[in-house]
Protein backbone atom coordinates (compact mmCIF):
# COMPACT_ATOMS: atom_id res chain seq x y z
CA MET A 1 2.38 -0.95 -14.92
CA ALA A 2 3.83 2.31 -12.40
CA TYR A 3 7.15 1.01 -11.95
CA VAL A 4 10.18 -0.17 -13.94
CA ILE A 5 13.92 -1.96 -13.17
CA GLY A 6 16.37 0.36 -15.37
CA ASP A 7 19.36 -0.99 -16.56
CA SER A 8 21.40 0.38 -13.69
CA CYS A 9 20.11 -2.57 -11.57
CA VAL A 10 22.77 -4.80 -9.48
CA MET A 11 20.84 -7.79 -9.82
CA CYS A 12 21.13 -7.35 -5.42
CA GLY A 13 17.09 -9.16 -5.46
CA ALA A 14 16.53 -6.25 -2.87
CA CYS A 15 12.93 -5.18 -4.54
CA ALA A 16 12.78 -8.88 -4.65
CA ALA A 17 12.45 -9.18 -1.23
CA GLN A 18 10.15 -6.46 0.16
CA CYS A 19 6.94 -7.46 -3.02
CA PRO A 20 3.97 -8.42 -1.08
CA VAL A 21 2.78 -9.48 -4.42
CA GLU A 22 5.95 -11.73 -5.65
CA ALA A 23 5.64 -9.65 -8.78
CA ILE A 24 9.46 -9.19 -8.72
CA SER A 25 12.01 -12.07 -11.10
CA GLU A 26 14.66 -12.35 -12.37
CA GLY A 27 15.27 -11.60 -16.36
CA ASP A 28 17.83 -10.86 -18.72
CA GLY A 29 20.83 -8.56 -15.86
CA LYS A 30 18.01 -7.57 -14.04
CA TYR A 31 15.63 -8.01 -12.36
CA VAL A 32 12.01 -7.13 -14.28
CA ILE A 33 8.22 -6.40 -12.81
CA ASP A 34 5.39 -8.78 -14.07
CA GLY A 35 2.62 -5.51 -14.93
CA GLU A 36 -0.15 -8.20 -14.14
CA LYS A 37 0.65 -8.88 -10.88
CA CYS A 38 1.71 -5.55 -9.58
CA LEU A 39 0.15 -3.56 -7.37
CA ASP A 40 2.03 -0.14 -8.47
CA CYS A 41 2.44 0.20 -4.70
CA GLY A 42 6.11 1.66 -4.10
CA SER A 43 8.46 -1.13 -2.22
CA CYS A 44 11.03 -2.38 -4.20
CA ALA A 45 11.74 0.80 -5.42
CA ALA A 46 12.22 2.05 -1.68
CA GLY A 47 14.20 -1.11 -0.70
CA CYS A 48 15.95 -0.90 -3.85
CA PRO A 49 19.92 -0.01 -3.20
CA ALA A 50 21.13 0.67 -6.80
CA GLU A 51 18.31 3.47 -7.12
CA ALA A 52 17.28 1.11 -10.30
CA ILE A 53 13.67 1.22 -9.79
CA LYS A 54 11.93 4.49 -11.27
CA GLN A 55 8.27 5.60 -11.36
CA ALA A 56 7.56 4.78 -15.25
């Protein structure tokens, strides 16, 4: 998985809305990316207003 969501996630859901394969879901205090579904496209990182998503 090339992208991870860091602790600066504000739980706004913008990343989940951007994901074309629904690989992002609510976790405990932040959203999480399912590495099995992720296409490494980067659209989640581009849509994150908190810049919490980075390449691993």
